[in-house]
N, C-alpha and C. Protein backbone atom coordinates (compact mmCIF):
# COMPACT_ATOMS: atom_id res chain seq x y z
N MET A 1 -16.31 -214.81 -238.98
CA MET A 1 -15.31 -213.83 -238.68
C MET A 1 -15.83 -213.26 -237.34
N GLY A 2 -17.13 -213.15 -237.29
CA GLY A 2 -17.97 -212.24 -236.04
C GLY A 2 -17.50 -213.51 -234.67
N ILE A 3 -17.52 -214.33 -234.75
CA ILE A 3 -17.27 -215.28 -233.58
C ILE A 3 -15.71 -215.06 -232.93
N LYS A 4 -14.73 -215.31 -234.09
CA LYS A 4 -13.57 -215.22 -233.68
C LYS A 4 -13.24 -213.50 -232.99
N LYS A 5 -14.04 -212.46 -233.68
CA LYS A 5 -13.69 -211.04 -233.29
C LYS A 5 -14.38 -211.39 -231.70
N LYS A 6 -15.42 -211.81 -231.14
CA LYS A 6 -15.84 -211.69 -229.83
C LYS A 6 -14.84 -212.49 -228.82
N ASN A 7 -14.34 -213.47 -229.27
CA ASN A 7 -13.23 -214.31 -228.69
C ASN A 7 -12.33 -213.42 -228.53
N ILE A 8 -11.92 -213.05 -229.55
CA ILE A 8 -10.46 -211.90 -229.07
C ILE A 8 -11.20 -210.83 -228.09
N ASP A 9 -11.81 -209.97 -228.48
CA ASP A 9 -12.57 -209.31 -227.56
C ASP A 9 -12.95 -209.67 -226.03
N ALA A 10 -13.49 -210.75 -225.75
CA ALA A 10 -13.07 -211.48 -224.70
C ALA A 10 -11.79 -211.68 -223.99
N TYR A 11 -10.80 -212.27 -224.93
CA TYR A 11 -9.51 -212.37 -224.20
C TYR A 11 -8.69 -210.97 -223.96
N VAL A 12 -8.97 -209.98 -224.98
CA VAL A 12 -8.49 -208.82 -224.50
C VAL A 12 -9.20 -208.30 -223.15
N ALA A 13 -10.17 -208.45 -222.92
CA ALA A 13 -10.79 -208.15 -221.87
C ALA A 13 -10.22 -208.53 -220.51
N ILE A 14 -10.45 -209.89 -220.59
CA ILE A 14 -9.47 -210.57 -219.63
C ILE A 14 -8.17 -210.34 -219.45
N VAL A 15 -7.25 -210.24 -220.00
CA VAL A 15 -5.84 -209.76 -219.86
C VAL A 15 -5.84 -208.56 -219.31
N GLY A 16 -6.81 -207.15 -219.62
CA GLY A 16 -7.14 -206.05 -219.22
C GLY A 16 -7.45 -206.17 -217.98
N VAL A 17 -8.06 -207.14 -217.29
CA VAL A 17 -8.31 -207.02 -215.63
C VAL A 17 -7.04 -208.03 -215.43
N LEU A 18 -6.51 -208.61 -215.98
CA LEU A 18 -5.55 -209.35 -215.12
C LEU A 18 -4.13 -208.57 -214.81
N LEU A 19 -4.12 -207.72 -215.82
CA LEU A 19 -2.94 -206.61 -216.08
C LEU A 19 -3.26 -205.28 -214.96
N CYS A 20 -4.65 -205.06 -214.79
CA CYS A 20 -4.97 -204.20 -213.51
C CYS A 20 -4.70 -204.84 -212.24
N THR A 21 -5.08 -205.91 -212.26
CA THR A 21 -4.84 -206.39 -211.04
C THR A 21 -3.80 -206.78 -210.62
N ILE A 22 -2.76 -207.07 -211.56
CA ILE A 22 -1.36 -207.11 -211.34
C ILE A 22 -0.77 -205.75 -211.03
N ILE A 23 -0.73 -204.58 -211.82
CA ILE A 23 -0.48 -203.68 -211.47
C ILE A 23 -0.86 -202.83 -209.93
N THR A 24 -2.20 -202.88 -209.78
CA THR A 24 -2.51 -202.54 -208.40
C THR A 24 -1.89 -203.60 -206.85
N SER A 25 -1.76 -204.79 -207.33
CA SER A 25 -0.99 -205.60 -206.62
C SER A 25 0.59 -205.00 -206.17
N PHE A 26 1.32 -204.70 -207.50
CA PHE A 26 2.59 -204.26 -207.49
C PHE A 26 2.85 -202.82 -206.11
N ILE A 27 1.79 -201.99 -206.73
CA ILE A 27 1.72 -200.74 -206.25
C ILE A 27 1.55 -201.29 -204.66
N LYS A 28 0.44 -201.79 -204.40
CA LYS A 28 0.13 -202.04 -202.70
C LYS A 28 1.58 -202.84 -202.13
N ARG A 29 2.31 -203.79 -203.06
CA ARG A 29 3.31 -203.85 -202.38
C ARG A 29 4.60 -203.03 -202.20
N CYS A 30 4.60 -202.15 -203.02
CA CYS A 30 5.88 -201.05 -203.10
C CYS A 30 5.10 -200.13 -201.65
N ASN A 31 4.15 -199.60 -201.76
CA ASN A 31 3.44 -199.18 -200.74
C ASN A 31 4.06 -199.68 -199.33
N ASP A 32 3.80 -201.09 -199.22
CA ASP A 32 3.60 -201.64 -198.01
C ASP A 32 5.25 -201.76 -197.61
N ASN A 33 5.95 -201.99 -198.67
CA ASN A 33 7.40 -202.16 -198.46
C ASN A 33 7.80 -200.69 -198.00
N ALA A 34 7.58 -199.62 -198.45
CA ALA A 34 7.77 -198.35 -198.36
C ALA A 34 7.85 -198.08 -196.74
N LEU A 35 6.44 -198.74 -196.25
CA LEU A 35 6.30 -198.77 -195.12
C LEU A 35 7.36 -199.57 -194.05
N TYR A 36 7.57 -200.68 -194.40
CA TYR A 36 8.67 -201.24 -193.72
C TYR A 36 9.85 -200.57 -193.74
N LYS A 37 10.41 -200.10 -194.61
CA LYS A 37 11.58 -199.24 -194.55
C LYS A 37 11.85 -197.83 -193.70
N ASN A 38 10.41 -197.27 -194.36
CA ASN A 38 10.33 -195.70 -193.88
C ASN A 38 9.38 -195.65 -192.97
N GLY A 39 9.28 -196.60 -192.05
CA GLY A 39 8.03 -196.43 -191.04
C GLY A 39 8.11 -195.67 -189.94
N LYS A 40 7.42 -195.31 -189.55
CA LYS A 40 7.45 -194.65 -188.11
C LYS A 40 5.98 -194.81 -187.39
N ILE A 41 6.21 -195.25 -185.94
CA ILE A 41 4.88 -195.51 -185.00
C ILE A 41 4.21 -194.54 -185.17
N THR A 42 3.04 -193.94 -184.64
CA THR A 42 2.43 -193.27 -183.96
C THR A 42 1.11 -193.64 -183.56
N THR A 43 0.49 -192.42 -182.80
CA THR A 43 -0.87 -192.62 -182.35
C THR A 43 -2.18 -192.26 -183.01
N ALA A 44 -3.13 -192.65 -183.46
CA ALA A 44 -4.12 -192.26 -184.45
C ALA A 44 -5.33 -192.23 -183.32
N ILE A 45 -6.42 -191.54 -183.57
CA ILE A 45 -7.39 -191.30 -183.17
C ILE A 45 -8.74 -191.68 -183.94
N VAL A 46 -9.32 -192.56 -183.46
CA VAL A 46 -10.88 -193.12 -184.34
C VAL A 46 -11.67 -191.75 -184.49
N GLU A 47 -11.66 -191.55 -185.58
CA GLU A 47 -12.93 -190.67 -185.88
C GLU A 47 -14.45 -190.94 -186.25
N ARG A 48 -14.29 -192.06 -186.96
CA ARG A 48 -15.51 -192.23 -187.46
C ARG A 48 -15.60 -193.79 -187.90
N ILE A 49 -17.17 -194.83 -187.87
CA ILE A 49 -16.98 -196.04 -187.93
C ILE A 49 -17.97 -195.92 -188.89
N TYR A 50 -18.13 -196.24 -190.18
CA TYR A 50 -19.09 -196.17 -191.44
C TYR A 50 -19.12 -197.17 -192.16
N THR A 51 -20.26 -197.34 -192.53
CA THR A 51 -20.15 -199.19 -193.31
C THR A 51 -20.73 -198.23 -195.29
N ILE A 52 -20.11 -199.27 -196.05
CA ILE A 52 -19.84 -199.43 -197.29
C ILE A 52 -20.10 -200.57 -197.92
N ARG A 53 -21.59 -200.65 -198.91
CA ARG A 53 -21.83 -201.70 -199.10
C ARG A 53 -21.89 -202.78 -198.14
N TYR A 54 -22.38 -203.22 -196.98
CA TYR A 54 -22.27 -204.01 -195.91
C TYR A 54 -20.95 -204.16 -195.31
N THR A 55 -20.11 -203.24 -195.57
CA THR A 55 -18.97 -203.60 -195.11
C THR A 55 -18.38 -202.41 -193.95
N GLU A 56 -18.24 -202.71 -193.00
CA GLU A 56 -17.80 -201.84 -191.85
C GLU A 56 -16.34 -201.17 -192.04
N HIS A 57 -16.43 -199.75 -192.16
CA HIS A 57 -15.00 -199.38 -192.07
C HIS A 57 -14.97 -198.23 -191.01
N PHE A 58 -13.39 -197.94 -190.32
CA PHE A 58 -13.02 -196.97 -189.64
C PHE A 58 -12.15 -195.97 -190.21
N GLN A 59 -12.30 -194.67 -189.89
CA GLN A 59 -11.13 -193.76 -190.35
C GLN A 59 -10.95 -193.31 -189.06
N TYR A 60 -9.46 -192.62 -189.12
CA TYR A 60 -8.47 -192.17 -188.05
C TYR A 60 -8.03 -191.06 -188.30
N VAL A 61 -7.18 -190.53 -187.80
CA VAL A 61 -6.39 -189.23 -188.11
C VAL A 61 -5.20 -188.92 -186.79
N PHE A 62 -4.00 -188.45 -187.82
CA PHE A 62 -2.88 -188.44 -186.59
C PHE A 62 -2.18 -187.23 -187.41
N SER A 63 -1.04 -186.66 -186.79
CA SER A 63 -0.51 -185.24 -187.10
C SER A 63 1.20 -185.96 -187.31
N VAL A 64 1.37 -185.25 -187.85
CA VAL A 64 3.04 -185.47 -188.14
C VAL A 64 3.26 -184.09 -188.74
N ASN A 65 4.48 -183.29 -187.38
CA ASN A 65 4.71 -182.25 -187.59
C ASN A 65 3.52 -180.69 -188.06
N GLY A 66 2.45 -181.38 -186.88
CA GLY A 66 1.87 -180.07 -187.06
C GLY A 66 0.67 -180.37 -188.21
N LYS A 67 1.07 -180.96 -189.10
CA LYS A 67 -0.09 -181.54 -190.18
C LYS A 67 -1.19 -182.72 -189.70
N ILE A 68 -2.13 -182.80 -190.34
CA ILE A 68 -3.03 -183.55 -190.23
C ILE A 68 -3.22 -184.91 -191.26
N PHE A 69 -3.32 -186.17 -191.01
CA PHE A 69 -3.36 -186.84 -192.27
C PHE A 69 -4.24 -188.10 -191.56
N SER A 70 -5.06 -188.52 -192.38
CA SER A 70 -5.76 -189.53 -192.07
C SER A 70 -5.89 -190.88 -192.93
N GLY A 71 -6.29 -191.92 -192.32
CA GLY A 71 -6.46 -193.54 -192.99
C GLY A 71 -7.71 -193.93 -192.80
N ASP A 72 -7.88 -194.83 -193.00
CA ASP A 72 -8.73 -196.15 -192.71
C ASP A 72 -8.84 -197.64 -193.40
N ASP A 73 -9.57 -198.43 -192.48
CA ASP A 73 -9.32 -199.95 -192.73
C ASP A 73 -10.59 -200.06 -192.51
N VAL A 74 -10.71 -201.63 -192.77
CA VAL A 74 -11.94 -202.19 -192.42
C VAL A 74 -12.13 -202.65 -191.07
N TYR A 75 -13.15 -202.83 -190.51
CA TYR A 75 -13.54 -202.94 -189.03
C TYR A 75 -14.79 -204.20 -188.75
N TYR A 76 -13.87 -205.19 -188.33
CA TYR A 76 -14.46 -206.48 -188.20
C TYR A 76 -15.55 -206.42 -186.69
N SER A 77 -16.88 -206.09 -186.87
CA SER A 77 -17.16 -205.54 -185.64
C SER A 77 -17.35 -207.21 -184.42
N LYS A 78 -17.02 -207.58 -185.24
CA LYS A 78 -17.23 -209.00 -184.14
C LYS A 78 -15.73 -209.20 -183.50
N THR A 79 -14.88 -209.16 -184.09
CA THR A 79 -13.55 -209.26 -183.51
C THR A 79 -12.91 -208.08 -182.86
N ASP A 80 -13.12 -207.01 -183.71
CA ASP A 80 -12.59 -205.68 -183.15
C ASP A 80 -13.66 -205.20 -182.19
N SER A 81 -12.65 -204.38 -181.36
CA SER A 81 -13.58 -203.65 -180.29
C SER A 81 -13.03 -202.37 -179.96
N ILE A 82 -12.92 -201.48 -181.26
CA ILE A 82 -12.66 -200.01 -180.89
C ILE A 82 -14.06 -198.89 -181.20
N SER A 83 -14.06 -197.99 -180.51
CA SER A 83 -14.82 -196.87 -180.68
C SER A 83 -14.69 -195.77 -181.40
N VAL A 84 -15.07 -194.66 -181.50
CA VAL A 84 -14.82 -193.56 -182.06
C VAL A 84 -14.49 -192.87 -180.74
N GLY A 85 -13.32 -192.31 -180.96
CA GLY A 85 -12.33 -191.33 -179.81
C GLY A 85 -11.29 -192.15 -179.43
N ASP A 86 -11.43 -193.67 -179.54
CA ASP A 86 -10.20 -194.40 -179.17
C ASP A 86 -8.87 -194.31 -179.85
N SER A 87 -7.80 -194.41 -179.04
CA SER A 87 -6.58 -194.30 -179.68
C SER A 87 -6.07 -195.82 -180.28
N ILE A 88 -5.21 -195.79 -181.71
CA ILE A 88 -4.85 -196.58 -182.11
C ILE A 88 -3.36 -196.47 -182.35
N VAL A 89 -2.48 -197.86 -182.73
CA VAL A 89 -1.02 -197.39 -183.38
C VAL A 89 -1.23 -197.60 -184.81
N VAL A 90 -0.55 -196.76 -185.10
CA VAL A 90 -0.71 -196.64 -187.05
C VAL A 90 0.83 -196.56 -187.40
N ILE A 91 0.93 -197.01 -188.58
CA ILE A 91 2.59 -196.97 -188.91
C ILE A 91 2.43 -196.09 -190.08
N TYR A 92 3.25 -195.15 -190.42
CA TYR A 92 3.20 -194.42 -191.73
C TYR A 92 4.52 -194.14 -192.17
N ASN A 93 4.73 -193.62 -193.58
CA ASN A 93 6.02 -193.65 -194.57
C ASN A 93 6.34 -192.09 -193.95
N ILE A 94 7.36 -191.97 -193.23
CA ILE A 94 8.24 -190.86 -192.75
C ILE A 94 8.25 -190.07 -194.07
N SER A 95 8.57 -190.58 -195.26
CA SER A 95 8.53 -189.61 -196.69
C SER A 95 7.24 -189.27 -196.90
N ASP A 96 6.39 -190.27 -197.07
CA ASP A 96 4.66 -189.53 -197.33
C ASP A 96 3.99 -190.12 -196.14
N PRO A 97 3.79 -189.66 -195.16
CA PRO A 97 2.58 -189.78 -194.23
C PRO A 97 1.26 -190.33 -194.86
N SER A 98 1.03 -189.83 -196.14
CA SER A 98 -0.18 -190.31 -196.47
C SER A 98 -0.43 -191.77 -196.69
N GLN A 99 0.78 -192.39 -196.63
CA GLN A 99 0.80 -194.01 -197.02
C GLN A 99 0.94 -194.28 -195.40
N ASN A 100 -0.14 -194.80 -195.06
CA ASN A 100 -0.21 -195.21 -193.45
C ASN A 100 -1.11 -196.57 -193.37
N GLN A 101 -1.35 -197.05 -192.11
CA GLN A 101 -2.21 -198.06 -191.92
C GLN A 101 -2.05 -198.39 -190.46
N PRO A 102 -3.22 -198.95 -189.81
CA PRO A 102 -2.82 -199.82 -188.04
C PRO A 102 -2.29 -200.54 -188.38
N ILE A 103 -1.54 -200.41 -187.10
CA ILE A 103 -0.15 -201.44 -187.33
C ILE A 103 -0.42 -202.90 -187.17
N TRP A 104 -1.65 -203.74 -186.64
CA TRP A 104 -2.19 -205.02 -186.75
C TRP A 104 -2.05 -205.28 -188.51
N SER A 105 -2.92 -204.40 -189.52
CA SER A 105 -2.81 -204.58 -190.76
C SER A 105 -1.12 -204.77 -191.36
N VAL A 106 -0.18 -204.63 -190.75
CA VAL A 106 0.62 -204.69 -191.34
C VAL A 106 1.25 -206.17 -190.84
N GLU A 107 0.82 -206.04 -189.67
CA GLU A 107 1.41 -207.63 -188.78
C GLU A 107 0.75 -208.53 -189.72
N GLU A 108 -0.73 -208.48 -189.96
CA GLU A 108 -1.35 -209.38 -190.69
C GLU A 108 -0.65 -210.04 -191.98
N ARG A 109 -0.25 -208.79 -192.70
CA ARG A 109 0.38 -209.13 -194.05
C ARG A 109 1.41 -209.92 -194.17
N LYS A 110 2.13 -209.57 -192.99
CA LYS A 110 3.41 -210.27 -192.91
C LYS A 110 3.17 -212.05 -193.01
N LYS A 111 2.17 -212.37 -192.09
CA LYS A 111 1.66 -213.71 -192.03
C LYS A 111 1.61 -214.37 -193.42
């Protein structure tokens, strides 16, 4: 009985991980669809470049109707050439500007 319980626990854990992955993917797809349907393009300023667990990221800020919003993305230092203070083009959801991303991220996902 102990072996069967261990197998059931393993299956439940695997199903849980798969379910979380599917839900996260669905939410991401919905957010991307909102950007396509309700997206508006604007200019943002790169505020900082930082590293999390050996992966470089950058943070940017932009304003909509006087309110400041921010976003971040992965920075590929071998192919990207951005610096703090640079202007980049971002797309944001006009209904919820906290849903935003650099325009090249949207274009890359279309491929």
